[in-house]
C-alpha atoms as a PDB file:
ATOM      1  CA  MET A   1     -42.167 -18.229 -58.394  1.00  0.00           C
ATOM      2  CA  SER A   2     -41.320 -14.615 -57.084  1.00  0.00           C
ATOM      3  CA  ILE A   3     -37.375 -14.941 -59.157  1.00  0.00           C
ATOM      4  CA  ARG A   4     -36.813 -17.479 -61.806  1.00  0.00           C
ATOM      5  CA  VAL A   5     -33.236 -17.380 -63.455  1.00  0.00           C
ATOM      6  CA  ASN A   6     -32.692 -19.413 -66.469  1.00  0.00           C
ATOM      7  CA  GLU A   7     -29.089 -19.546 -68.166  1.00  0.00           C
ATOM      8  CA  VAL A   8     -28.144 -16.508 -67.801  1.00  0.00           C
ATOM      9  CA  VAL A   9     -24.730 -15.233 -69.462  1.00  0.00           C
ATOM     10  CA  LYS A  10     -23.512 -11.953 -69.035  1.00  0.00           C
ATOM     11  CA  ILE A  11     -20.063 -11.247 -71.107  1.00  0.00           C
ATOM     12  CA  TYR A  12     -17.964  -7.827 -70.692  1.00  0.00           C
ATOM     13  CA  GLY A  13     -15.857  -7.208 -73.535  1.00  0.00           C
ATOM     14  CA  LYS A  14     -13.825 -10.860 -73.128  1.00  0.00           C
ATOM     15  CA  GLN A  15     -14.795 -11.300 -69.622  1.00  0.00           C
ATOM     16  CA  ARG A  16     -17.641 -13.528 -68.974  1.00  0.00           C
ATOM     17  CA  ALA A  17     -19.095 -12.550 -65.308  1.00  0.00           C
ATOM     18  CA  LEU A  18     -21.863 -15.121 -65.468  1.00  0.00           C
ATOM     19  CA  ASN A  19     -21.863 -18.527 -67.187  1.00  0.00           C
ATOM     20  CA  GLY A  20     -25.136 -20.093 -67.687  1.00  0.00           C
ATOM     21  CA  VAL A  21     -26.898 -19.570 -64.150  1.00  0.00           C
ATOM     22  CA  SER A  22     -29.967 -20.800 -63.265  1.00  0.00           C
ATOM     23  CA  PHE A  23     -31.770 -20.668 -59.893  1.00  0.00           C
ATOM     24  CA  SER A  24     -35.363 -19.842 -58.239  1.00  0.00           C
ATOM     25  CA  ILE A  25     -36.599 -18.311 -55.327  1.00  0.00           C
ATOM     26  CA  ASP A  26     -40.024 -18.943 -54.026  1.00  0.00           C
ATOM     27  CA  LYS A  27     -42.246 -16.503 -51.901  1.00  0.00           C
ATOM     28  CA  GLY A  28     -41.296 -15.993 -48.485  1.00  0.00           C
ATOM     29  CA  GLU A  29     -37.816 -17.092 -48.916  1.00  0.00           C
ATOM     30  CA  VAL A  30     -35.015 -15.309 -47.366  1.00  0.00           C
ATOM     31  CA  ILE A  31     -31.916 -15.949 -49.792  1.00  0.00           C
ATOM     32  CA  GLY A  32     -28.144 -15.294 -49.270  1.00  0.00           C
ATOM     33  CA  PHE A  33     -26.623 -14.695 -52.475  1.00  0.00           C
ATOM     34  CA  LEU A  34     -22.981 -15.156 -51.764  1.00  0.00           C
ATOM     35  CA  GLY A  35     -19.505 -15.374 -53.878  1.00  0.00           C
ATOM     36  CA  PRO A  36     -16.062 -13.558 -53.333  1.00  0.00           C
ATOM     37  CA  ASN A  37     -15.232 -10.232 -55.063  1.00  0.00           C
ATOM     38  CA  GLY A  38     -15.543 -10.595 -58.947  1.00  0.00           C
ATOM     39  CA  ALA A  39     -17.575 -13.765 -58.779  1.00  0.00           C
ATOM     40  CA  GLY A  40     -20.760 -12.162 -60.307  1.00  0.00           C
ATOM     41  CA  LYS A  41     -23.213 -11.360 -57.369  1.00  0.00           C
ATOM     42  CA  SER A  42     -23.626  -7.492 -58.502  1.00  0.00           C
ATOM     43  CA  THR A  43     -24.074  -8.203 -62.023  1.00  0.00           C
ATOM     44  CA  MET A  44     -26.637 -10.794 -61.160  1.00  0.00           C
ATOM     45  CA  MET A  45     -28.493  -8.438 -58.943  1.00  0.00           C
ATOM     46  CA  LYS A  46     -28.183  -5.434 -61.829  1.00  0.00           C
ATOM     47  CA  ILE A  47     -29.770  -8.065 -64.217  1.00  0.00           C
ATOM     48  CA  ILE A  48     -32.585  -9.212 -62.069  1.00  0.00           C
ATOM     49  CA  THR A  49     -33.550  -5.565 -61.125  1.00  0.00           C
ATOM     50  CA  GLY A  50     -33.560  -4.575 -64.993  1.00  0.00           C
ATOM     51  CA  TYR A  51     -30.506  -2.133 -64.576  1.00  0.00           C
ATOM     52  CA  ILE A  52     -28.648  -4.159 -67.535  1.00  0.00           C
ATOM     53  CA  PRO A  53     -29.915  -6.698 -69.818  1.00  0.00           C
ATOM     54  CA  PRO A  54     -28.019 -10.287 -69.979  1.00  0.00           C
ATOM     55  CA  THR A  55     -25.773 -11.370 -72.822  1.00  0.00           C
ATOM     56  CA  SER A  56     -28.130 -14.193 -73.172  1.00  0.00           C
ATOM     57  CA  GLY A  57     -30.836 -16.131 -70.496  1.00  0.00           C
ATOM     58  CA  LYS A  58     -34.104 -15.287 -69.217  1.00  0.00           C
ATOM     59  CA  VAL A  59     -34.936 -13.592 -65.947  1.00  0.00           C
ATOM     60  CA  SER A  60     -38.670 -13.160 -64.624  1.00  0.00           C
ATOM     61  CA  VAL A  61     -39.859 -11.397 -61.411  1.00  0.00           C
ATOM     62  CA  CYS A  62     -43.483 -12.615 -60.170  1.00  0.00           C
ATOM     63  CA  ASP A  63     -44.047 -14.336 -63.657  1.00  0.00           C
ATOM     64  CA  PHE A  64     -43.070 -11.104 -65.766  1.00  0.00           C
ATOM     65  CA  ASP A  65     -40.185 -11.227 -67.867  1.00  0.00           C
ATOM     66  CA  ILE A  66     -37.744  -8.651 -67.163  1.00  0.00           C
ATOM     67  CA  LEU A  67     -36.951  -7.613 -70.599  1.00  0.00           C
ATOM     68  CA  GLU A  68     -40.071  -8.051 -72.123  1.00  0.00           C
ATOM     69  CA  SER A  69     -42.351  -6.957 -69.433  1.00  0.00           C
ATOM     70  CA  SER A  70     -39.721  -4.444 -68.139  1.00  0.00           C
ATOM     71  CA  PRO A  71     -42.077  -2.249 -65.858  1.00  0.00           C
ATOM     72  CA  GLU A  72     -44.476  -4.410 -64.624  1.00  0.00           C
ATOM     73  CA  ALA A  73     -41.130  -6.491 -63.491  1.00  0.00           C
ATOM     74  CA  ARG A  74     -39.629  -3.359 -61.955  1.00  0.00           C
ATOM     75  CA  ARG A  75     -42.746  -2.620 -59.890  1.00  0.00           C
ATOM     76  CA  GLN A  76     -42.469  -5.757 -58.323  1.00  0.00           C
ATOM     77  CA  ILE A  77     -39.006  -4.945 -56.920  1.00  0.00           C
ATOM     78  CA  GLY A  78     -37.591  -2.885 -54.005  1.00  0.00           C
ATOM     79  CA  TYR A  79     -33.592  -2.495 -54.506  1.00  0.00           C
ATOM     80  CA  LEU A  80     -31.331  -1.473 -51.777  1.00  0.00           C
ATOM     81  CA  PRO A  81     -27.854  -1.192 -53.915  1.00  0.00           C
ATOM     82  CA  GLU A  82     -24.494  -1.462 -52.104  1.00  0.00           C
ATOM     83  CA  HIS A  83     -23.598   2.110 -51.936  1.00  0.00           C
ATOM     84  CA  ASN A  84     -27.154   3.503 -50.720  1.00  0.00           C
ATOM     85  CA  PRO A  85     -27.807   6.376 -52.948  1.00  0.00           C
ATOM     86  CA  LEU A  86     -29.399   8.954 -50.984  1.00  0.00           C
ATOM     87  CA  TYR A  87     -30.146  12.693 -51.153  1.00  0.00           C
ATOM     88  CA  LEU A  88     -28.267  14.068 -48.142  1.00  0.00           C
ATOM     89  CA  ASP A  89     -29.564  17.580 -47.735  1.00  0.00           C
ATOM     90  CA  MET A  90     -33.061  16.179 -48.017  1.00  0.00           C
ATOM     91  CA  TYR A  91     -35.060  15.554 -44.669  1.00  0.00           C
ATOM     92  CA  VAL A  92     -36.000  11.976 -44.074  1.00  0.00           C
ATOM     93  CA  LYS A  93     -39.534  12.501 -44.307  1.00  0.00           C
ATOM     94  CA  GLU A  94     -39.337  14.829 -47.467  1.00  0.00           C
ATOM     95  CA  TYR A  95     -37.052  12.195 -49.209  1.00  0.00           C
ATOM     96  CA  LEU A  96     -39.737   9.297 -48.468  1.00  0.00           C
ATOM     97  CA  THR A  97     -42.593  11.477 -49.664  1.00  0.00           C
ATOM     98  CA  PHE A  98     -40.451  12.420 -52.725  1.00  0.00           C
ATOM     99  CA  THR A  99     -39.940   8.555 -53.423  1.00  0.00           C
ATOM    100  CA  ALA A 100     -43.462   7.459 -52.886  1.00  0.00           C
ATOM    101  CA  GLU A 101     -44.827  10.297 -55.166  1.00  0.00           C
ATOM    102  CA  ILE A 102     -42.560   9.148 -57.926  1.00  0.00           C
ATOM    103  CA  TYR A 103     -44.012   5.556 -57.828  1.00  0.00           C
ATOM    104  CA  LYS A 104     -47.578   7.733 -57.403  1.00  0.00           C
ATOM    105  CA  MET A 105     -48.965   5.934 -54.352  1.00  0.00           C
ATOM    106  CA  PRO A 106     -51.992   7.243 -53.036  1.00  0.00           C
ATOM    107  CA  GLN A 107     -52.429   8.241 -49.379  1.00  0.00           C
ATOM    108  CA  VAL A 108     -48.702   9.339 -49.727  1.00  0.00           C
ATOM    109  CA  LYS A 109     -48.594  10.857 -46.327  1.00  0.00           C
ATOM    110  CA  LYS A 110     -50.038   7.608 -44.495  1.00  0.00           C
ATOM    111  CA  ARG A 111     -47.528   5.586 -46.268  1.00  0.00           C
ATOM    112  CA  VAL A 112     -44.556   7.527 -45.249  1.00  0.00           C
ATOM    113  CA  ASP A 113     -45.664   7.254 -41.899  1.00  0.00           C
ATOM    114  CA  GLU A 114     -46.075   3.657 -41.970  1.00  0.00           C
ATOM    115  CA  MET A 115     -42.646   3.145 -43.355  1.00  0.00           C
ATOM    116  CA  ILE A 116     -40.976   5.367 -40.739  1.00  0.00           C
ATOM    117  CA  ASP A 117     -42.502   3.384 -38.239  1.00  0.00           C
ATOM    118  CA  ARG A 118     -41.841  -0.193 -39.764  1.00  0.00           C
ATOM    119  CA  VAL A 119     -38.012   0.669 -40.086  1.00  0.00           C
ATOM    120  CA  GLY A 120     -37.877   2.288 -36.729  1.00  0.00           C
ATOM    121  CA  LEU A 121     -36.905   5.970 -37.994  1.00  0.00           C
ATOM    122  CA  GLY A 122     -39.464   7.468 -35.662  1.00  0.00           C
ATOM    123  CA  PRO A 123     -36.787   9.355 -33.728  1.00  0.00           C
ATOM    124  CA  GLU A 124     -34.664  10.755 -36.690  1.00  0.00           C
ATOM    125  CA  ALA A 125     -37.545  11.316 -39.161  1.00  0.00           C
ATOM    126  CA  HIS A 126     -37.293  15.104 -38.378  1.00  0.00           C
ATOM    127  CA  LYS A 127     -33.647  15.091 -39.421  1.00  0.00           C
ATOM    128  CA  LYS A 128     -31.580  15.736 -42.689  1.00  0.00           C
ATOM    129  CA  ILE A 129     -30.149  12.312 -44.105  1.00  0.00           C
ATOM    130  CA  ALA A 130     -26.842  13.844 -43.633  1.00  0.00           C
ATOM    131  CA  ALA A 131     -27.062  14.218 -40.003  1.00  0.00           C
ATOM    132  CA  LEU A 132     -28.158  10.530 -39.528  1.00  0.00           C
ATOM    133  CA  SER A 133     -25.665   7.479 -38.129  1.00  0.00           C
ATOM    134  CA  LYS A 134     -25.052   4.703 -41.261  1.00  0.00           C
ATOM    135  CA  GLY A 135     -27.340   2.509 -39.358  1.00  0.00           C
ATOM    136  CA  TYR A 136     -30.124   5.018 -39.590  1.00  0.00           C
ATOM    137  CA  ARG A 137     -29.069   5.710 -43.076  1.00  0.00           C
ATOM    138  CA  GLN A 138     -29.678   2.317 -44.171  1.00  0.00           C
ATOM    139  CA  ARG A 139     -33.091   2.131 -42.640  1.00  0.00           C
ATOM    140  CA  VAL A 140     -33.893   4.888 -44.870  1.00  0.00           C
ATOM    141  CA  GLY A 141     -32.512   2.938 -47.793  1.00  0.00           C
ATOM    142  CA  LEU A 142     -34.805   0.134 -46.466  1.00  0.00           C
ATOM    143  CA  ALA A 143     -38.018   2.428 -46.201  1.00  0.00           C
ATOM    144  CA  GLN A 144     -37.457   3.501 -50.108  1.00  0.00           C
ATOM    145  CA  SER A 145     -36.661   0.195 -51.119  1.00  0.00           C
ATOM    146  CA  MET A 146     -40.369  -0.804 -49.570  1.00  0.00           C
ATOM    147  CA  ILE A 147     -42.556   2.497 -49.953  1.00  0.00           C
ATOM    148  CA  HIS A 148     -44.062   1.066 -53.409  1.00  0.00           C
ATOM    149  CA  ASP A 149     -45.131  -2.688 -51.449  1.00  0.00           C
ATOM    150  CA  PRO A 150     -42.875  -4.568 -53.460  1.00  0.00           C
ATOM    151  CA  LYS A 151     -43.272  -8.268 -53.536  1.00  0.00           C
ATOM    152  CA  VAL A 152     -39.404  -8.850 -53.875  1.00  0.00           C
ATOM    153  CA  LEU A 153     -36.938  -7.078 -52.239  1.00  0.00           C
ATOM    154  CA  ILE A 154     -33.172  -6.935 -53.479  1.00  0.00           C
ATOM    155  CA  LEU A 155     -30.565  -6.071 -50.923  1.00  0.00           C
ATOM    156  CA  ASP A 156     -26.852  -5.663 -51.839  1.00  0.00           C
ATOM    157  CA  GLU A 157     -24.734  -5.705 -48.602  1.00  0.00           C
ATOM    158  CA  PRO A 158     -27.405  -3.816 -46.497  1.00  0.00           C
ATOM    159  CA  THR A 159     -25.306  -4.395 -43.228  1.00  0.00           C
ATOM    160  CA  SER A 160     -21.997  -3.243 -44.592  1.00  0.00           C
ATOM    161  CA  GLY A 161     -19.950  -0.770 -41.967  1.00  0.00           C
ATOM    162  CA  LEU A 162     -22.788  -1.031 -39.243  1.00  0.00           C
ATOM    163  CA  ASP A 163     -21.788  -1.423 -35.635  1.00  0.00           C
ATOM    164  CA  PRO A 164     -22.773  -4.702 -33.461  1.00  0.00           C
ATOM    165  CA  ASN A 165     -25.992  -2.890 -32.329  1.00  0.00           C
ATOM    166  CA  GLN A 166     -27.081  -1.910 -35.841  1.00  0.00           C
ATOM    167  CA  LEU A 167     -26.448  -5.042 -37.087  1.00  0.00           C
ATOM    168  CA  VAL A 168     -28.732  -6.799 -34.787  1.00  0.00           C
ATOM    169  CA  GLU A 169     -31.387  -4.500 -35.752  1.00  0.00           C
ATOM    170  CA  ILE A 170     -31.264  -4.688 -39.105  1.00  0.00           C
ATOM    171  CA  ARG A 171     -30.780  -8.411 -39.180  1.00  0.00           C
ATOM    172  CA  ALA A 172     -34.171  -8.641 -37.160  1.00  0.00           C
ATOM    173  CA  LEU A 173     -36.023  -5.991 -39.659  1.00  0.00           C
ATOM    174  CA  ILE A 174     -34.591  -8.105 -42.767  1.00  0.00           C
ATOM    175  CA  LYS A 175     -35.911 -11.630 -40.773  1.00  0.00           C
ATOM    176  CA  GLU A 176     -39.082 -10.045 -40.313  1.00  0.00           C
ATOM    177  CA  LEU A 177     -39.666  -8.507 -43.707  1.00  0.00           C
ATOM    178  CA  GLY A 178     -38.902 -12.179 -44.783  1.00  0.00           C
ATOM    179  CA  LYS A 179     -42.430 -13.353 -43.358  1.00  0.00           C
ATOM    180  CA  GLU A 180     -44.263 -11.432 -46.425  1.00  0.00           C
ATOM    181  CA  LYS A 181     -41.814 -10.910 -48.960  1.00  0.00           C
ATOM    182  CA  THR A 182     -38.937 -12.479 -51.023  1.00  0.00           C
ATOM    183  CA  VAL A 183     -35.819 -11.328 -49.936  1.00  0.00           C
ATOM    184  CA  MET A 184     -32.315 -11.719 -51.977  1.00  0.00           C
ATOM    185  CA  LEU A 185     -29.483 -10.861 -49.894  1.00  0.00           C
ATOM    186  CA  SER A 186     -26.109 -10.431 -50.943  1.00  0.00           C
ATOM    187  CA  THR A 187     -23.478 -10.087 -48.354  1.00  0.00           C
ATOM    188  CA  HIS A 188     -19.692 -10.631 -47.259  1.00  0.00           C
ATOM    189  CA  ILE A 189     -20.849 -11.163 -43.768  1.00  0.00           C
ATOM    190  CA  MET A 190     -21.558 -14.908 -42.903  1.00  0.00           C
ATOM    191  CA  GLN A 191     -23.071 -14.204 -39.712  1.00  0.00           C
ATOM    192  CA  ASP A 192     -25.885 -12.233 -41.741  1.00  0.00           C
ATOM    193  CA  VAL A 193     -26.472 -15.559 -43.614  1.00  0.00           C
ATOM    194  CA  GLU A 194     -26.795 -17.482 -40.589  1.00  0.00           C
ATOM    195  CA  ALA A 195     -29.070 -15.084 -38.730  1.00  0.00           C
ATOM    196  CA  VAL A 196     -31.571 -14.256 -41.299  1.00  0.00           C
ATOM    197  CA  CYS A 197     -31.237 -16.663 -44.215  1.00  0.00           C
ATOM    198  CA  SER A 198     -32.845 -20.013 -44.882  1.00  0.00           C
ATOM    199  CA  ARG A 199     -31.066 -20.884 -47.855  1.00  0.00           C
ATOM    200  CA  ALA A 200     -27.672 -19.935 -49.741  1.00  0.00           C
ATOM    201  CA  ILE A 201     -26.700 -19.566 -53.187  1.00  0.00           C
ATOM    202  CA  ILE A 202     -22.940 -19.464 -53.715  1.00  0.00           C
ATOM    203  CA  VAL A 203     -21.516 -18.222 -56.972  1.00  0.00           C
ATOM    204  CA  ASN A 204     -17.554 -18.057 -57.658  1.00  0.00           C
ATOM    205  CA  LYS A 205     -16.100 -17.201 -61.317  1.00  0.00           C
ATOM    206  CA  GLY A 206     -19.625 -16.614 -62.734  1.00  0.00           C
ATOM    207  CA  ASN A 207     -20.660 -20.102 -61.840  1.00  0.00           C
ATOM    208  CA  ILE A 208     -23.101 -21.382 -59.052  1.00  0.00           C
ATOM    209  CA  VAL A 209     -21.025 -23.610 -56.789  1.00  0.00           C
ATOM    210  CA  ALA A 210     -23.913 -24.426 -54.137  1.00  0.00           C
ATOM    211  CA  ASP A 211     -27.777 -23.801 -53.832  1.00  0.00           C
ATOM    212  CA  ARG A 212     -28.946 -25.310 -50.498  1.00  0.00           C
ATOM    213  CA  SER A 213     -30.772 -24.694 -47.701  1.00  0.00           C
ATOM    214  CA  THR A 214     -28.067 -23.657 -44.431  1.00  0.00           C
ATOM    215  CA  SER A 215     -28.675 -26.677 -42.552  1.00  0.00           C
ATOM    216  CA  GLU A 216     -27.880 -29.143 -45.857  1.00  0.00           C
ATOM    217  CA  LEU A 217     -24.749 -27.293 -46.653  1.00  0.00           C
ATOM    218  CA  ARG A 218     -23.687 -27.754 -43.019  1.00  0.00           C
ATOM    219  CA  ILE A 219     -24.135 -31.440 -43.275  1.00  0.00           C
ATOM    220  CA  GLU A 220     -22.718 -31.331 -47.018  1.00  0.00           C
ATOM    221  CA  MET A 221     -19.825 -29.768 -46.074  1.00  0.00           C
ATOM    222  CA  GLY A 222     -19.488 -31.488 -42.555  1.00  0.00           C
ATOM    223  CA  GLY A 223     -18.778 -34.744 -43.698  1.00  0.00           C
ATOM    224  CA  ASP A 224     -20.752 -37.985 -42.605  1.00  0.00           C
ATOM    225  CA  GLY A 225     -21.520 -36.525 -39.056  1.00  0.00           C
ATOM    226  CA  GLN A 226     -21.521 -34.108 -36.118  1.00  0.00           C
ATOM    227  CA  GLY A 227     -18.194 -32.594 -34.823  1.00  0.00           C
ATOM    228  CA  LEU A 228     -17.082 -32.104 -31.416  1.00  0.00           C
ATOM    229  CA  VAL A 229     -14.406 -30.068 -29.476  1.00  0.00           C
ATOM    230  CA  VAL A 230     -12.697 -31.610 -26.210  1.00  0.00           C
ATOM    231  CA  GLU A 231     -10.195 -30.195 -24.038  1.00  0.00           C
ATOM    232  CA  PHE A 232      -8.636 -32.535 -21.123  1.00  0.00           C
ATOM    233  CA  SER A 233      -6.628 -31.569 -18.449  1.00  0.00           C
ATOM    234  CA  GLY A 234      -3.863 -33.692 -19.513  1.00  0.00           C
ATOM    235  CA  ARG A 235      -2.352 -35.721 -22.253  1.00  0.00           C
ATOM    236  CA  ILE A 236      -4.868 -38.108 -24.218  1.00  0.00           C
ATOM    237  CA  GLU A 237      -3.546 -39.889 -27.429  1.00  0.00           C
ATOM    238  CA  GLU A 238      -5.161 -39.950 -30.765  1.00  0.00           C
ATOM    239  CA  LYS A 239      -5.392 -43.864 -30.752  1.00  0.00           C
ATOM    240  CA  GLU A 240      -7.235 -43.865 -27.619  1.00  0.00           C
ATOM    241  CA  LEU A 241      -9.840 -41.369 -28.855  1.00  0.00           C
ATOM    242  CA  LEU A 242      -9.789 -43.372 -31.972  1.00  0.00           C
ATOM    243  CA  SER A 243     -10.828 -46.597 -29.956  1.00  0.00           C
ATOM    244  CA  ILE A 244     -14.271 -45.210 -29.262  1.00  0.00           C
ATOM    245  CA  ASN A 245     -17.079 -46.578 -31.048  1.00  0.00           C
ATOM    246  CA  GLY A 246     -18.607 -44.140 -32.795  1.00  0.00           C
ATOM    247  CA  VAL A 247     -15.640 -41.922 -33.515  1.00  0.00           C
ATOM    248  CA  ALA A 248     -14.892 -41.340 -37.360  1.00  0.00           C
ATOM    249  CA  GLY A 249     -11.617 -39.077 -36.803  1.00  0.00           C
ATOM    250  CA  VAL A 250     -10.036 -36.691 -34.745  1.00  0.00           C
ATOM    251  CA  LEU A 251      -7.636 -33.965 -35.167  1.00  0.00           C
ATOM    252  CA  GLU A 252      -5.549 -32.071 -32.481  1.00  0.00           C
ATOM    253  CA  ILE A 253      -6.091 -28.519 -32.617  1.00  0.00           C
ATOM    254  CA  GLY A 254      -4.535 -27.144 -29.659  1.00  0.00           C
ATOM    255  CA  LYS A 255      -2.539 -28.252 -26.157  1.00  0.00           C
ATOM    256  CA  ASN A 256      -4.667 -31.507 -25.178  1.00  0.00           C
ATOM    257  CA  THR A 257      -7.555 -30.076 -26.929  1.00  0.00           C
ATOM    258  CA  TRP A 258      -8.979 -32.155 -30.053  1.00  0.00           C
ATOM    259  CA  ARG A 259     -12.026 -32.111 -32.461  1.00  0.00           C
ATOM    260  CA  VAL A 260     -13.641 -35.555 -32.687  1.00  0.00           C
ATOM    261  CA  ARG A 261     -15.613 -36.147 -36.040  1.00  0.00           C
ATOM    262  CA  VAL A 262     -18.563 -38.659 -35.215  1.00  0.00           C
ATOM    263  CA  SER A 263     -20.301 -41.105 -37.280  1.00  0.00           C
ATOM    264  CA  GLY A 264     -23.898 -40.493 -37.520  1.00  0.00           C
ATOM    265  CA  ASN A 265     -25.962 -39.571 -34.431  1.00  0.00           C
ATOM    266  CA  ALA A 266     -23.667 -41.358 -32.109  1.00  0.00           C
ATOM    267  CA  ASP A 267     -23.582 -39.879 -28.808  1.00  0.00           C
ATOM    268  CA  VAL A 268     -19.827 -40.554 -27.630  1.00  0.00           C
ATOM    269  CA  ARG A 269     -19.704 -38.009 -24.910  1.00  0.00           C
ATOM    270  CA  LEU A 270     -20.167 -40.497 -21.879  1.00  0.00           C
ATOM    271  CA  LYS A 271     -17.316 -42.920 -23.543  1.00  0.00           C
ATOM    272  CA  ILE A 272     -14.953 -39.596 -23.615  1.00  0.00           C
ATOM    273  CA  SER A 273     -15.675 -38.823 -19.955  1.00  0.00           C
ATOM    274  CA  GLU A 274     -15.105 -42.557 -19.016  1.00  0.00           C
ATOM    275  CA  LEU A 275     -11.680 -42.638 -21.053  1.00  0.00           C
ATOM    276  CA  ALA A 276     -10.613 -39.408 -19.147  1.00  0.00           C
ATOM    277  CA  VAL A 277     -11.353 -40.728 -15.826  1.00  0.00           C
ATOM    278  CA  GLU A 278      -9.513 -44.098 -16.775  1.00  0.00           C
ATOM    279  CA  LYS A 279      -6.495 -41.971 -17.487  1.00  0.00           C
ATOM    280  CA  GLY A 280      -6.651 -39.856 -14.816  1.00  0.00           C
ATOM    281  CA  VAL A 281      -7.347 -36.484 -16.013  1.00  0.00           C
ATOM    282  CA  VAL A 282     -10.434 -34.450 -16.326  1.00  0.00           C
ATOM    283  CA  VAL A 283     -12.469 -32.838 -18.961  1.00  0.00           C
ATOM    284  CA  LEU A 284     -11.958 -29.460 -18.949  1.00  0.00           C
ATOM    285  CA  MET A 285     -14.577 -28.377 -21.920  1.00  0.00           C
ATOM    286  CA  LEU A 286     -16.560 -30.547 -24.249  1.00  0.00           C
ATOM    287  CA  ARG A 287     -19.229 -29.057 -26.829  1.00  0.00           C
ATOM    288  CA  GLN A 288     -20.719 -29.733 -29.717  1.00  0.00           C
ATOM    289  CA  GLU A 289     -19.456 -27.710 -33.033  1.00  0.00           C
ATOM    290  CA  GLU A 290     -21.390 -27.158 -35.999  1.00  0.00           C
ATOM    291  CA  GLN A 291     -19.836 -26.012 -39.538  1.00  0.00           C
ATOM    292  CA  ARG A 292     -19.840 -22.508 -39.987  1.00  0.00           C
ATOM    293  CA  MET A 293     -20.801 -20.815 -42.786  1.00  0.00           C
ATOM    294  CA  GLU A 294     -17.364 -19.060 -43.301  1.00  0.00           C
ATOM    295  CA  ASP A 295     -15.746 -22.598 -43.341  1.00  0.00           C
ATOM    296  CA  ILE A 296     -18.116 -23.354 -45.952  1.00  0.00           C
ATOM    297  CA  PHE A 297     -17.856 -20.284 -47.922  1.00  0.00           C
ATOM    298  CA  LYS A 298     -14.022 -20.646 -47.632  1.00  0.00           C
ATOM    299  CA  ALA A 299     -14.238 -24.445 -49.009  1.00  0.00           C
ATOM    300  CA  LEU A 300     -16.633 -23.730 -51.896  1.00  0.00           C
ATOM    301  CA  THR A 301     -15.017 -20.488 -53.110  1.00  0.00           C
ATOM    302  CA  ASN A 302     -10.939 -21.105 -52.770  1.00  0.00           C
ATOM    303  CA  SER A 303      -9.120 -22.492 -56.095  1.00  0.00           C
END
């Protein structure tokens, strides 16, 4: 087990930031660790990485207790904080060499060149970090978090502030890293979770409110079936749609546009088309609708 968290409580003064949180993460998983502001995400990450101790409870990384075997546990972790702490006056290669030497890595130059190539920093490797775009600074942060070849990566808001092209590139990199390492990813961007994570742990007010694969969450939060969105060229009544065998519920979401909830694996598309022909209207649009992670997040974290 790469990460094991057991009944962790963290109290700041009178505020209980974490309330008996427990979960485990296996090798090769990319986990989305989600929650609204103040939910306890960053606190949990700081405890896992050994920056702060829990008030009570146990945390182990690769079977090393984070308090009792702190140096050994920390060697297994690569950490990219939300506010990427870089030395802006250093050159990219200089900074990564400095980091590798801190970790006492053998063949420092070779390892630095490997990391530059791995995260796509080649064209910028000769520049000062201050001259880099936000996307390339994030790549430098990822490179320093991986330079000692950790088994576990803890990434706090790694895509914050990136443009759409940079988002695609960093997501692809994280997904690739997940093939060989355990990745715990904290983010407010639900598209990040849908793009790279196989599982989501959602925390709210210091408690875990969901811990499922993303596909299981969609099924669980989506009710007892799939969804369709259909738009007609003219008026179709609610009762007419409900009369179709397999339609469990409908909701009008726009002019002549309906969200249709379907029971089980029923396929009602042909019946909807036949109803439209019968009523003398045309189906302008018919598509399957998946429950979005954003909707799931709102449902689980709104009081």
